[in-house]
Amino acid sequence: MNIKQLAQQLDLSIATVSRALNNQAEVSDKTRLRVQKAALKYGYRPNVTGKNLRQGKVDSVALMLPSGGKDNYFTSSFFMRVATSLQSELKTAGFDTLLHLSTDKEDESTWLEKIVAQRRADAVILTNTERQDARIAYLHEVQFPFASLGRSQTLEGHFNWVDMDFGLVACQSVAKAVALGYKRIALVTLGDNSMQGWLYLSAYQKAIERNKLRFKNEYVYFGEISEKTGFDAMEHFFSLSTPPECIIFINDIPVIGAYHYLNVNKLEPEKNIHIMAGIISSDVSSYLLPKPIGFSIQHSQIGQALSHAVLNSLGSQNREFINTLIIPQP
């Protein structure tokens, strides 16, 4: 039995159980005794090494990469470049960067619990944030230092985060499409609970309406950041009785699949449909012809901002949160 299961059994928070097991003053004698008896009854045994580590620090920060089986394999170059800059900044403060790749959300949740219970790192950096993100709520509840690459509506955004201005990218992409004379403009974005995907969709819809165009649900395709999503999105749009004239992709990875669809079906970008790439996050799209229009980012800028945010989370509790919004460049 782990500490989360013990807390659920007692209908207490993980933080309360942890304090009771460590004889901290914030817990009443009655609760402390109840928790300790339950720990014996259910065979809970805290990790001795972790308990020792909790008395100090281990001089490391864990960067949680997106869980396996989905988009992280396609965005590895992005995260490796960010991690390089992050490590360069953190080492000056005496910290190392640990990279962790989970196979799925359940595996990631288990690993987060181990980091907290066994103090395998002094702080955590989350990626691929969701609008309602259980990881953020959990780390806040157990009072474990963290920052995130991405905003969230969890805690009303009151935590340390770094993000890119996806709303600005979506608005400017629509404006470019309109300036080129297109009226049927589609979007390929992430699922609705993805914070990044939601920001894109919200800004896209507002931009469509602001330009006095009609928003159509069939012109929005939800997928992952993968080549397959790009291919499948094109199949969807070309199956419509009135296909879009221009498609805005959330970033350049799905564009690769979109170009493959056009090639397989003997269609041409620009001639049969116009493609925009949102944020250019990899080198691959530079080899596509014609090269898709998009916005570039400075990986070093993101890494530096993340280091400041996570180091701030390790400071005093009264310190104000660091929220950094990075503006991609056309």
C-alpha atoms as a PDB file:
ATOM      1  CA  MET A   1       0.000   0.000   0.000  1.00  0.00           C
ATOM      2  CA  ASN A   2       1.318   3.445  -0.947  1.00  0.00           C
ATOM      3  CA  ILE A   3       0.632   6.740   0.812  1.00  0.00           C
ATOM      4  CA  LYS A   4      -2.127   7.700  -1.642  1.00  0.00           C
ATOM      5  CA  GLN A   5      -4.034   4.461  -0.977  1.00  0.00           C
ATOM      6  CA  LEU A   6      -3.588   4.888   2.774  1.00  0.00           C
ATOM      7  CA  ALA A   7      -4.972   8.425   2.556  1.00  0.00           C
ATOM      8  CA  GLN A   8      -7.973   7.188   0.541  1.00  0.00           C
ATOM      9  CA  GLN A   9      -8.621   4.427   3.086  1.00  0.00           C
ATOM     10  CA  LEU A  10      -8.696   7.014   5.890  1.00  0.00           C
ATOM     11  CA  ASP A  11     -10.539   9.673   3.865  1.00  0.00           C
ATOM     12  CA  LEU A  12      -7.714  12.120   4.569  1.00  0.00           C
ATOM     13  CA  SER A  13      -5.483  14.198   2.322  1.00  0.00           C
ATOM     14  CA  ILE A  14      -2.061  12.855   1.374  1.00  0.00           C
ATOM     15  CA  ALA A  15      -0.493  15.892   3.045  1.00  0.00           C
ATOM     16  CA  THR A  16      -2.243  15.121   6.362  1.00  0.00           C
ATOM     17  CA  VAL A  17      -1.186  11.467   6.268  1.00  0.00           C
ATOM     18  CA  SER A  18       2.393  12.467   5.470  1.00  0.00           C
ATOM     19  CA  ARG A  19       2.493  14.915   8.387  1.00  0.00           C
ATOM     20  CA  ALA A  20       1.012  12.342  10.760  1.00  0.00           C
ATOM     21  CA  LEU A  21       3.547   9.686   9.764  1.00  0.00           C
ATOM     22  CA  ASN A  22       6.373  12.170  10.271  1.00  0.00           C
ATOM     23  CA  ASN A  23       5.031  13.370  13.665  1.00  0.00           C
ATOM     24  CA  GLN A  24       4.614  16.954  12.542  1.00  0.00           C
ATOM     25  CA  ALA A  25       2.912  19.454  14.860  1.00  0.00           C
ATOM     26  CA  GLU A  26       0.223  20.516  12.361  1.00  0.00           C
ATOM     27  CA  VAL A  27      -1.666  17.251  12.966  1.00  0.00           C
ATOM     28  CA  SER A  28      -3.712  16.553  16.098  1.00  0.00           C
ATOM     29  CA  ASP A  29      -2.694  13.705  18.410  1.00  0.00           C
ATOM     30  CA  LYS A  30      -5.948  11.901  17.614  1.00  0.00           C
ATOM     31  CA  THR A  31      -5.360  12.019  13.834  1.00  0.00           C
ATOM     32  CA  ARG A  32      -1.677  11.109  14.206  1.00  0.00           C
ATOM     33  CA  LEU A  33      -2.551   8.012  16.248  1.00  0.00           C
ATOM     34  CA  ARG A  34      -5.298   7.021  13.817  1.00  0.00           C
ATOM     35  CA  VAL A  35      -2.944   7.268  10.829  1.00  0.00           C
ATOM     36  CA  GLN A  36      -0.114   5.398  12.502  1.00  0.00           C
ATOM     37  CA  LYS A  37      -2.437   2.569  13.587  1.00  0.00           C
ATOM     38  CA  ALA A  38      -3.811   2.307  10.043  1.00  0.00           C
ATOM     39  CA  ALA A  39      -0.275   2.215   8.630  1.00  0.00           C
ATOM     40  CA  LEU A  40       0.481  -0.797  10.823  1.00  0.00           C
ATOM     41  CA  LYS A  41      -2.835  -2.455  10.034  1.00  0.00           C
ATOM     42  CA  TYR A  42      -2.527  -2.149   6.247  1.00  0.00           C
ATOM     43  CA  GLY A  43       1.195  -2.797   6.095  1.00  0.00           C
ATOM     44  CA  TYR A  44       2.275   0.639   4.923  1.00  0.00           C
ATOM     45  CA  ARG A  45       6.044   1.031   5.107  1.00  0.00           C
ATOM     46  CA  PRO A  46       7.619   4.383   4.168  1.00  0.00           C
ATOM     47  CA  ASN A  47      10.770   4.234   2.082  1.00  0.00           C
ATOM     48  CA  VAL A  48      13.673   4.735   4.494  1.00  0.00           C
ATOM     49  CA  THR A  49      15.906   6.304   1.861  1.00  0.00           C
ATOM     50  CA  GLY A  50      13.129   8.663   0.888  1.00  0.00           C
ATOM     51  CA  LYS A  51      12.538   9.617   4.502  1.00  0.00           C
ATOM     52  CA  ASN A  52      16.195  10.500   4.902  1.00  0.00           C
ATOM     53  CA  LEU A  53      16.176  12.494   1.690  1.00  0.00           C
ATOM     54  CA  ARG A  54      13.174  14.494   2.840  1.00  0.00           C
ATOM     55  CA  GLN A  55      15.282  15.931   5.608  1.00  0.00           C
ATOM     56  CA  GLY A  56      17.394  17.773   3.017  1.00  0.00           C
ATOM     57  CA  LYS A  57      17.587  18.090  -0.748  1.00  0.00           C
ATOM     58  CA  VAL A  58      18.901  15.963  -3.589  1.00  0.00           C
ATOM     59  CA  ASP A  59      19.951  18.848  -5.838  1.00  0.00           C
ATOM     60  CA  SER A  60      17.830  17.827  -8.817  1.00  0.00           C
ATOM     61  CA  VAL A  61      14.739  18.892 -10.741  1.00  0.00           C
ATOM     62  CA  ALA A  62      12.588  16.343 -12.608  1.00  0.00           C
ATOM     63  CA  LEU A  63      11.336  17.346 -16.052  1.00  0.00           C
ATOM     64  CA  MET A  64       8.299  15.177 -16.791  1.00  0.00           C
ATOM     65  CA  LEU A  65       8.186  14.589 -20.543  1.00  0.00           C
ATOM     66  CA  PRO A  66       4.806  13.913 -22.208  1.00  0.00           C
ATOM     67  CA  SER A  67       3.701  10.325 -21.645  1.00  0.00           C
ATOM     68  CA  GLY A  68       4.758   7.729 -24.211  1.00  0.00           C
ATOM     69  CA  GLY A  69       2.694   6.309 -27.033  1.00  0.00           C
ATOM     70  CA  LYS A  70       1.510   9.725 -28.203  1.00  0.00           C
ATOM     71  CA  ASP A  71       3.110  13.005 -29.187  1.00  0.00           C
ATOM     72  CA  ASN A  72       6.338  13.023 -27.186  1.00  0.00           C
ATOM     73  CA  TYR A  73       8.208  10.872 -29.731  1.00  0.00           C
ATOM     74  CA  PHE A  74       7.466  13.414 -32.418  1.00  0.00           C
ATOM     75  CA  THR A  75       8.392  16.414 -30.266  1.00  0.00           C
ATOM     76  CA  SER A  76      11.558  14.957 -28.730  1.00  0.00           C
ATOM     77  CA  SER A  77      13.828  17.488 -30.454  1.00  0.00           C
ATOM     78  CA  PHE A  78      11.792  20.325 -28.940  1.00  0.00           C
ATOM     79  CA  PHE A  79      12.056  19.001 -25.379  1.00  0.00           C
ATOM     80  CA  MET A  80      15.722  18.057 -25.707  1.00  0.00           C
ATOM     81  CA  ARG A  81      16.594  21.594 -26.780  1.00  0.00           C
ATOM     82  CA  VAL A  82      14.562  23.072 -23.951  1.00  0.00           C
ATOM     83  CA  ALA A  83      16.169  20.627 -21.489  1.00  0.00           C
ATOM     84  CA  THR A  84      19.659  21.613 -22.644  1.00  0.00           C
ATOM     85  CA  SER A  85      19.000  25.259 -21.867  1.00  0.00           C
ATOM     86  CA  LEU A  86      17.212  24.350 -18.634  1.00  0.00           C
ATOM     87  CA  GLN A  87      20.188  22.296 -17.428  1.00  0.00           C
ATOM     88  CA  SER A  88      22.599  25.074 -18.334  1.00  0.00           C
ATOM     89  CA  GLU A  89      20.650  27.474 -16.108  1.00  0.00           C
ATOM     90  CA  LEU A  90      19.949  25.074 -13.233  1.00  0.00           C
ATOM     91  CA  LYS A  91      23.536  23.916 -12.831  1.00  0.00           C
ATOM     92  CA  THR A  92      24.571  27.457 -11.916  1.00  0.00           C
ATOM     93  CA  ALA A  93      22.190  27.143  -8.950  1.00  0.00           C
ATOM     94  CA  GLY A  94      23.597  23.719  -8.008  1.00  0.00           C
ATOM     95  CA  PHE A  95      20.841  21.544  -9.518  1.00  0.00           C
ATOM     96  CA  ASP A  96      20.801  18.781 -12.126  1.00  0.00           C
ATOM     97  CA  THR A  97      17.952  18.063 -14.539  1.00  0.00           C
ATOM     98  CA  LEU A  98      16.382  14.585 -14.497  1.00  0.00           C
ATOM     99  CA  LEU A  99      14.304  13.599 -17.518  1.00  0.00           C
ATOM    100  CA  HIS A 100      11.444  11.169 -17.023  1.00  0.00           C
ATOM    101  CA  LEU A 101       9.288   9.586 -19.716  1.00  0.00           C
ATOM    102  CA  SER A 102       6.134   7.768 -18.591  1.00  0.00           C
ATOM    103  CA  THR A 103       4.348   5.143 -20.648  1.00  0.00           C
ATOM    104  CA  ASP A 104       0.908   6.574 -19.852  1.00  0.00           C
ATOM    105  CA  LYS A 105      -0.918   8.824 -17.383  1.00  0.00           C
ATOM    106  CA  GLU A 106      -1.168   6.105 -14.737  1.00  0.00           C
ATOM    107  CA  ASP A 107       2.568   5.513 -14.895  1.00  0.00           C
ATOM    108  CA  GLU A 108       3.188   9.257 -14.633  1.00  0.00           C
ATOM    109  CA  SER A 109       0.922   9.504 -11.583  1.00  0.00           C
ATOM    110  CA  THR A 110       2.787   6.657  -9.873  1.00  0.00           C
ATOM    111  CA  TRP A 111       6.123   8.289 -10.615  1.00  0.00           C
ATOM    112  CA  LEU A 112       4.971  11.625  -9.219  1.00  0.00           C
ATOM    113  CA  GLU A 113       3.975   9.894  -5.985  1.00  0.00           C
ATOM    114  CA  LYS A 114       7.434   8.321  -5.755  1.00  0.00           C
ATOM    115  CA  ILE A 115       9.115  11.673  -6.313  1.00  0.00           C
ATOM    116  CA  VAL A 116       7.090  13.185  -3.473  1.00  0.00           C
ATOM    117  CA  ALA A 117       7.205  10.266  -1.027  1.00  0.00           C
ATOM    118  CA  GLN A 118      10.855   9.346  -1.621  1.00  0.00           C
ATOM    119  CA  ARG A 119      12.121  12.821  -2.477  1.00  0.00           C
ATOM    120  CA  ARG A 120      13.706  11.685  -5.725  1.00  0.00           C
ATOM    121  CA  ALA A 121      13.870  15.322  -6.801  1.00  0.00           C
ATOM    122  CA  ASP A 122      13.555  18.695  -5.112  1.00  0.00           C
ATOM    123  CA  ALA A 123      11.002  19.993  -7.613  1.00  0.00           C
ATOM    124  CA  VAL A 124       9.040  18.910 -10.682  1.00  0.00           C
ATOM    125  CA  ILE A 125       8.399  20.527 -14.059  1.00  0.00           C
ATOM    126  CA  LEU A 126       5.174  19.365 -15.723  1.00  0.00           C
ATOM    127  CA  THR A 127       4.488  19.456 -19.466  1.00  0.00           C
ATOM    128  CA  ASN A 128       1.367  19.029 -21.628  1.00  0.00           C
ATOM    129  CA  THR A 129      -0.862  20.743 -19.097  1.00  0.00           C
ATOM    130  CA  GLU A 130      -4.618  20.232 -19.127  1.00  0.00           C
ATOM    131  CA  ARG A 131      -7.396  22.688 -18.372  1.00  0.00           C
ATOM    132  CA  GLN A 132      -8.212  20.726 -15.235  1.00  0.00           C
ATOM    133  CA  ASP A 133      -4.918  19.108 -14.323  1.00  0.00           C
ATOM    134  CA  ALA A 134      -4.925  16.533 -11.499  1.00  0.00           C
ATOM    135  CA  ARG A 135      -1.117  16.626 -11.294  1.00  0.00           C
ATOM    136  CA  ILE A 136      -1.113  20.317 -10.434  1.00  0.00           C
ATOM    137  CA  ALA A 137      -3.822  19.839  -7.807  1.00  0.00           C
ATOM    138  CA  TYR A 138      -1.887  16.918  -6.293  1.00  0.00           C
ATOM    139  CA  LEU A 139       1.467  18.711  -6.075  1.00  0.00           C
ATOM    140  CA  HIS A 140      -0.246  21.756  -4.599  1.00  0.00           C
ATOM    141  CA  GLU A 141      -2.040  19.619  -2.008  1.00  0.00           C
ATOM    142  CA  VAL A 142       1.134  17.909  -0.809  1.00  0.00           C
ATOM    143  CA  GLN A 143       3.010  21.226  -0.947  1.00  0.00           C
ATOM    144  CA  PHE A 144       5.692  19.909  -3.286  1.00  0.00           C
ATOM    145  CA  PRO A 145       7.590  22.519  -5.377  1.00  0.00           C
ATOM    146  CA  PHE A 146       6.698  22.535  -9.064  1.00  0.00           C
ATOM    147  CA  ALA A 147       6.428  24.623 -12.197  1.00  0.00           C
ATOM    148  CA  SER A 148       4.897  23.813 -15.550  1.00  0.00           C
ATOM    149  CA  LEU A 149       5.493  24.327 -19.234  1.00  0.00           C
ATOM    150  CA  GLY A 150       1.942  25.375 -20.001  1.00  0.00           C
ATOM    151  CA  ARG A 151      -0.868  27.166 -18.221  1.00  0.00           C
ATOM    152  CA  SER A 152      -3.912  25.560 -16.596  1.00  0.00           C
ATOM    153  CA  GLN A 153      -7.237  26.632 -15.130  1.00  0.00           C
ATOM    154  CA  THR A 154      -6.385  24.490 -12.088  1.00  0.00           C
ATOM    155  CA  LEU A 155      -5.780  26.683  -9.018  1.00  0.00           C
ATOM    156  CA  GLU A 156      -6.945  29.538 -11.272  1.00  0.00           C
ATOM    157  CA  GLY A 157      -3.423  29.604 -12.688  1.00  0.00           C
ATOM    158  CA  HIS A 158      -1.907  30.560  -9.328  1.00  0.00           C
ATOM    159  CA  PHE A 159       1.348  28.633  -9.615  1.00  0.00           C
ATOM    160  CA  ASN A 160       4.688  29.008 -11.421  1.00  0.00           C
ATOM    161  CA  TRP A 161       4.360  28.479 -15.162  1.00  0.00           C
ATOM    162  CA  VAL A 162       5.903  29.289 -18.545  1.00  0.00           C
ATOM    163  CA  ASP A 163       3.845  29.215 -21.723  1.00  0.00           C
ATOM    164  CA  MET A 164       3.766  30.375 -25.322  1.00  0.00           C
ATOM    165  CA  ASP A 165       1.115  32.778 -26.546  1.00  0.00           C
ATOM    166  CA  PHE A 166      -0.892  30.251 -28.533  1.00  0.00           C
ATOM    167  CA  GLY A 167      -3.871  32.598 -28.711  1.00  0.00           C
ATOM    168  CA  LEU A 168      -1.783  35.223 -30.500  1.00  0.00           C
ATOM    169  CA  VAL A 169      -0.502  32.613 -32.961  1.00  0.00           C
ATOM    170  CA  ALA A 170      -4.040  31.458 -33.769  1.00  0.00           C
ATOM    171  CA  CYS A 171      -5.306  35.037 -34.231  1.00  0.00           C
ATOM    172  CA  GLN A 172      -2.422  36.060 -36.479  1.00  0.00           C
ATOM    173  CA  SER A 173      -2.708  32.847 -38.494  1.00  0.00           C
ATOM    174  CA  VAL A 174      -6.385  33.572 -39.203  1.00  0.00           C
ATOM    175  CA  ALA A 175      -5.508  37.176 -40.083  1.00  0.00           C
ATOM    176  CA  LYS A 176      -2.864  35.980 -42.569  1.00  0.00           C
ATOM    177  CA  ALA A 177      -5.329  33.575 -44.154  1.00  0.00           C
ATOM    178  CA  VAL A 178      -7.945  36.308 -44.496  1.00  0.00           C
ATOM    179  CA  ALA A 179      -5.348  38.679 -45.990  1.00  0.00           C
ATOM    180  CA  LEU A 180      -4.583  36.024 -48.621  1.00  0.00           C
ATOM    181  CA  GLY A 181      -8.270  36.015 -49.562  1.00  0.00           C
ATOM    182  CA  TYR A 182      -9.389  32.778 -47.882  1.00  0.00           C
ATOM    183  CA  LYS A 183     -12.814  32.532 -46.253  1.00  0.00           C
ATOM    184  CA  ARG A 184     -13.103  28.823 -45.508  1.00  0.00           C
ATOM    185  CA  ILE A 185     -10.424  28.441 -42.834  1.00  0.00           C
ATOM    186  CA  ALA A 186     -10.073  25.215 -40.815  1.00  0.00           C
ATOM    187  CA  LEU A 187      -8.129  24.328 -37.669  1.00  0.00           C
ATOM    188  CA  VAL A 188      -6.320  21.183 -36.509  1.00  0.00           C
ATOM    189  CA  THR A 189      -5.778  21.308 -32.750  1.00  0.00           C
ATOM    190  CA  LEU A 190      -5.456  19.182 -29.621  1.00  0.00           C
ATOM    191  CA  GLY A 191      -8.332  17.702 -27.595  1.00  0.00           C
ATOM    192  CA  ASP A 192     -10.573  20.026 -25.634  1.00  0.00           C
ATOM    193  CA  ASN A 193      -9.058  19.252 -22.198  1.00  0.00           C
ATOM    194  CA  SER A 194      -5.605  20.177 -23.489  1.00  0.00           C
ATOM    195  CA  MET A 195      -4.909  23.726 -22.300  1.00  0.00           C
ATOM    196  CA  GLN A 196      -2.867  24.430 -25.406  1.00  0.00           C
ATOM    197  CA  GLY A 197      -5.598  23.052 -27.644  1.00  0.00           C
ATOM    198  CA  TRP A 198      -8.308  25.016 -25.853  1.00  0.00           C
ATOM    199  CA  LEU A 199      -6.357  28.279 -26.126  1.00  0.00           C
ATOM    200  CA  TYR A 200      -5.885  27.699 -29.847  1.00  0.00           C
ATOM    201  CA  LEU A 201      -9.521  26.863 -30.435  1.00  0.00           C
ATOM    202  CA  SER A 202     -10.871  29.789 -28.384  1.00  0.00           C
ATOM    203  CA  ALA A 203      -8.647  32.320 -30.157  1.00  0.00           C
ATOM    204  CA  TYR A 204      -9.351  30.791 -33.584  1.00  0.00           C
ATOM    205  CA  GLN A 205     -13.121  30.986 -33.064  1.00  0.00           C
ATOM    206  CA  LYS A 206     -12.947  34.613 -31.930  1.00  0.00           C
ATOM    207  CA  ALA A 207     -10.729  35.516 -34.878  1.00  0.00           C
ATOM    208  CA  ILE A 208     -13.095  33.814 -37.334  1.00  0.00           C
ATOM    209  CA  GLU A 209     -16.067  35.737 -35.935  1.00  0.00           C
ATOM    210  CA  ARG A 210     -14.113  39.009 -35.738  1.00  0.00           C
ATOM    211  CA  ASN A 211     -13.406  38.732 -39.461  1.00  0.00           C
ATOM    212  CA  LYS A 212     -17.135  38.185 -40.056  1.00  0.00           C
ATOM    213  CA  LEU A 213     -16.665  34.610 -41.184  1.00  0.00           C
ATOM    214  CA  ARG A 214     -18.870  31.704 -40.180  1.00  0.00           C
ATOM    215  CA  PHE A 215     -17.527  29.327 -37.531  1.00  0.00           C
ATOM    216  CA  LYS A 216     -18.182  25.718 -38.527  1.00  0.00           C
ATOM    217  CA  ASN A 217     -17.697  22.753 -36.217  1.00  0.00           C
ATOM    218  CA  GLU A 218     -16.739  20.542 -39.164  1.00  0.00           C
ATOM    219  CA  TYR A 219     -13.798  22.854 -39.838  1.00  0.00           C
ATOM    220  CA  VAL A 220     -12.228  21.938 -36.476  1.00  0.00           C
ATOM    221  CA  TYR A 221     -10.346  18.639 -36.190  1.00  0.00           C
ATOM    222  CA  PHE A 222      -9.087  17.329 -32.833  1.00  0.00           C
ATOM    223  CA  GLY A 223      -6.063  15.058 -32.690  1.00  0.00           C
ATOM    224  CA  GLU A 224      -2.566  14.651 -31.296  1.00  0.00           C
ATOM    225  CA  ILE A 225       0.729  16.214 -32.273  1.00  0.00           C
ATOM    226  CA  SER A 226       1.611  13.469 -34.720  1.00  0.00           C
ATOM    227  CA  GLU A 227       2.009  12.857 -38.431  1.00  0.00           C
ATOM    228  CA  LYS A 228      -1.032  10.560 -38.414  1.00  0.00           C
ATOM    229  CA  THR A 229      -3.243  13.366 -37.107  1.00  0.00           C
ATOM    230  CA  GLY A 230      -2.228  15.485 -40.105  1.00  0.00           C
ATOM    231  CA  PHE A 231      -3.077  12.697 -42.551  1.00  0.00           C
ATOM    232  CA  ASP A 232      -6.404  11.893 -40.869  1.00  0.00           C
ATOM    233  CA  ALA A 233      -7.367  15.575 -40.677  1.00  0.00           C
ATOM    234  CA  MET A 234      -6.882  15.938 -44.432  1.00  0.00           C
ATOM    235  CA  GLU A 235      -9.041  12.887 -45.065  1.00  0.00           C
ATOM    236  CA  HIS A 236     -11.762  14.481 -42.936  1.00  0.00           C
ATOM    237  CA  PHE A 237     -11.632  17.894 -44.594  1.00  0.00           C
ATOM    238  CA  PHE A 238     -11.587  16.534 -48.144  1.00  0.00           C
ATOM    239  CA  SER A 239     -14.581  14.321 -47.348  1.00  0.00           C
ATOM    240  CA  LEU A 240     -16.707  17.412 -46.706  1.00  0.00           C
ATOM    241  CA  SER A 241     -19.046  18.649 -49.429  1.00  0.00           C
ATOM    242  CA  THR A 242     -17.311  22.027 -49.158  1.00  0.00           C
ATOM    243  CA  PRO A 243     -13.686  21.527 -48.065  1.00  0.00           C
ATOM    244  CA  PRO A 244     -11.784  24.398 -46.475  1.00  0.00           C
ATOM    245  CA  GLU A 245      -9.467  26.566 -48.578  1.00  0.00           C
ATOM    246  CA  CYS A 246      -6.881  26.967 -45.841  1.00  0.00           C
ATOM    247  CA  ILE A 247      -5.934  24.834 -42.823  1.00  0.00           C
ATOM    248  CA  ILE A 248      -4.127  26.077 -39.710  1.00  0.00           C
ATOM    249  CA  PHE A 249      -2.279  23.311 -37.848  1.00  0.00           C
ATOM    250  CA  ILE A 250      -1.370  23.693 -34.179  1.00  0.00           C
ATOM    251  CA  ASN A 251       2.274  23.039 -35.062  1.00  0.00           C
ATOM    252  CA  ASP A 252       4.427  21.641 -37.851  1.00  0.00           C
ATOM    253  CA  ILE A 253       4.472  17.929 -36.929  1.00  0.00           C
ATOM    254  CA  PRO A 254       0.921  17.152 -38.213  1.00  0.00           C
ATOM    255  CA  VAL A 255       1.763  19.169 -41.342  1.00  0.00           C
ATOM    256  CA  ILE A 256       4.147  16.378 -42.378  1.00  0.00           C
ATOM    257  CA  GLY A 257       1.215  13.950 -42.467  1.00  0.00           C
ATOM    258  CA  ALA A 258      -0.896  16.510 -44.308  1.00  0.00           C
ATOM    259  CA  TYR A 259       1.726  16.862 -47.051  1.00  0.00           C
ATOM    260  CA  HIS A 260       1.908  13.073 -47.314  1.00  0.00           C
ATOM    261  CA  TYR A 261      -1.871  12.933 -47.844  1.00  0.00           C
ATOM    262  CA  LEU A 262      -1.604  15.503 -50.622  1.00  0.00           C
ATOM    263  CA  ASN A 263       1.214  13.548 -52.262  1.00  0.00           C
ATOM    264  CA  VAL A 264      -0.660  10.225 -52.081  1.00  0.00           C
ATOM    265  CA  ASN A 265      -3.740  11.823 -53.638  1.00  0.00           C
ATOM    266  CA  LYS A 266      -1.761  13.758 -56.277  1.00  0.00           C
ATOM    267  CA  LEU A 267      -2.769  17.112 -54.828  1.00  0.00           C
ATOM    268  CA  GLU A 268      -0.532  20.114 -54.303  1.00  0.00           C
ATOM    269  CA  PRO A 269      -0.131  22.532 -51.395  1.00  0.00           C
ATOM    270  CA  GLU A 270      -1.017  26.116 -52.391  1.00  0.00           C
ATOM    271  CA  LYS A 271      -2.735  24.910 -55.561  1.00  0.00           C
ATOM    272  CA  ASN A 272      -5.384  22.659 -53.988  1.00  0.00           C
ATOM    273  CA  ILE A 273      -5.257  23.913 -50.412  1.00  0.00           C
ATOM    274  CA  HIS A 274      -3.207  26.355 -48.344  1.00  0.00           C
ATOM    275  CA  ILE A 275      -1.481  25.038 -45.214  1.00  0.00           C
ATOM    276  CA  MET A 276      -0.203  26.995 -42.206  1.00  0.00           C
ATOM    277  CA  ALA A 277       1.861  25.428 -39.431  1.00  0.00           C
ATOM    278  CA  GLY A 278       1.158  27.491 -36.306  1.00  0.00           C
ATOM    279  CA  ILE A 279       4.315  27.054 -34.214  1.00  0.00           C
ATOM    280  CA  ILE A 280       7.404  25.572 -35.877  1.00  0.00           C
ATOM    281  CA  SER A 281       8.777  23.239 -33.192  1.00  0.00           C
ATOM    282  CA  SER A 282      11.095  21.002 -35.236  1.00  0.00           C
ATOM    283  CA  ASP A 283      13.535  21.069 -38.166  1.00  0.00           C
ATOM    284  CA  VAL A 284      11.558  18.590 -40.256  1.00  0.00           C
ATOM    285  CA  SER A 285       9.108  21.069 -41.767  1.00  0.00           C
ATOM    286  CA  SER A 286      11.980  23.100 -43.265  1.00  0.00           C
ATOM    287  CA  TYR A 287      12.402  20.271 -45.805  1.00  0.00           C
ATOM    288  CA  LEU A 288       8.791  20.475 -46.989  1.00  0.00           C
ATOM    289  CA  LEU A 289       8.127  22.287 -50.256  1.00  0.00           C
ATOM    290  CA  PRO A 290       6.661  24.774 -50.219  1.00  0.00           C
ATOM    291  CA  LYS A 291       7.776  25.436 -46.635  1.00  0.00           C
ATOM    292  CA  PRO A 292       4.666  26.035 -44.510  1.00  0.00           C
ATOM    293  CA  ILE A 293       4.126  29.464 -42.967  1.00  0.00           C
ATOM    294  CA  GLY A 294       4.515  29.407 -39.204  1.00  0.00           C
ATOM    295  CA  PHE A 295       5.895  30.992 -36.046  1.00  0.00           C
ATOM    296  CA  SER A 296       9.316  30.175 -34.611  1.00  0.00           C
ATOM    297  CA  ILE A 297      10.345  29.875 -30.968  1.00  0.00           C
ATOM    298  CA  GLN A 298      13.593  30.241 -29.062  1.00  0.00           C
ATOM    299  CA  HIS A 299      14.169  26.994 -27.165  1.00  0.00           C
ATOM    300  CA  SER A 300      16.822  28.629 -24.987  1.00  0.00           C
ATOM    301  CA  GLN A 301      14.351  31.314 -23.935  1.00  0.00           C
ATOM    302  CA  ILE A 302      11.875  28.663 -22.785  1.00  0.00           C
ATOM    303  CA  GLY A 303      14.565  26.739 -20.869  1.00  0.00           C
ATOM    304  CA  GLN A 304      15.775  29.872 -19.114  1.00  0.00           C
ATOM    305  CA  ALA A 305      12.255  30.919 -18.161  1.00  0.00           C
ATOM    306  CA  LEU A 306      11.487  27.416 -16.838  1.00  0.00           C
ATOM    307  CA  SER A 307      14.604  27.455 -14.659  1.00  0.00           C
ATOM    308  CA  HIS A 308      13.545  30.755 -13.096  1.00  0.00           C
ATOM    309  CA  ALA A 309      10.015  29.455 -12.498  1.00  0.00           C
ATOM    310  CA  VAL A 310      11.046  26.170 -10.874  1.00  0.00           C
ATOM    311  CA  LEU A 311      13.746  27.801  -8.743  1.00  0.00           C
ATOM    312  CA  ASN A 312      11.125  30.281  -7.598  1.00  0.00           C
ATOM    313  CA  SER A 313       8.921  27.368  -6.491  1.00  0.00           C
ATOM    314  CA  LEU A 314      11.784  26.253  -4.231  1.00  0.00           C
ATOM    315  CA  GLY A 315      11.878  29.632  -2.521  1.00  0.00           C
ATOM    316  CA  SER A 316       9.825  30.907   0.386  1.00  0.00           C
ATOM    317  CA  GLN A 317       6.066  30.319   0.376  1.00  0.00           C
ATOM    318  CA  ASN A 318       5.410  34.062   0.458  1.00  0.00           C
ATOM    319  CA  ARG A 319       7.210  34.622  -2.838  1.00  0.00           C
ATOM    320  CA  GLU A 320       5.016  35.702  -5.761  1.00  0.00           C
ATOM    321  CA  PHE A 321       4.517  33.226  -8.603  1.00  0.00           C
ATOM    322  CA  ILE A 322       6.491  33.650 -11.826  1.00  0.00           C
ATOM    323  CA  ASN A 323       4.290  33.518 -14.920  1.00  0.00           C
ATOM    324  CA  THR A 324       6.105  33.979 -18.239  1.00  0.00           C
ATOM    325  CA  LEU A 325       4.309  34.264 -21.563  1.00  0.00           C
ATOM    326  CA  ILE A 326       6.662  33.821 -24.524  1.00  0.00           C
ATOM    327  CA  ILE A 327       5.753  35.418 -27.849  1.00  0.00           C
ATOM    328  CA  PRO A 328       6.547  33.243 -30.921  1.00  0.00           C
ATOM    329  CA  GLN A 329       7.977  35.150 -33.874  1.00  0.00           C
ATOM    330  CA  PRO A 330       6.574  35.021 -37.441  1.00  0.00           C
END
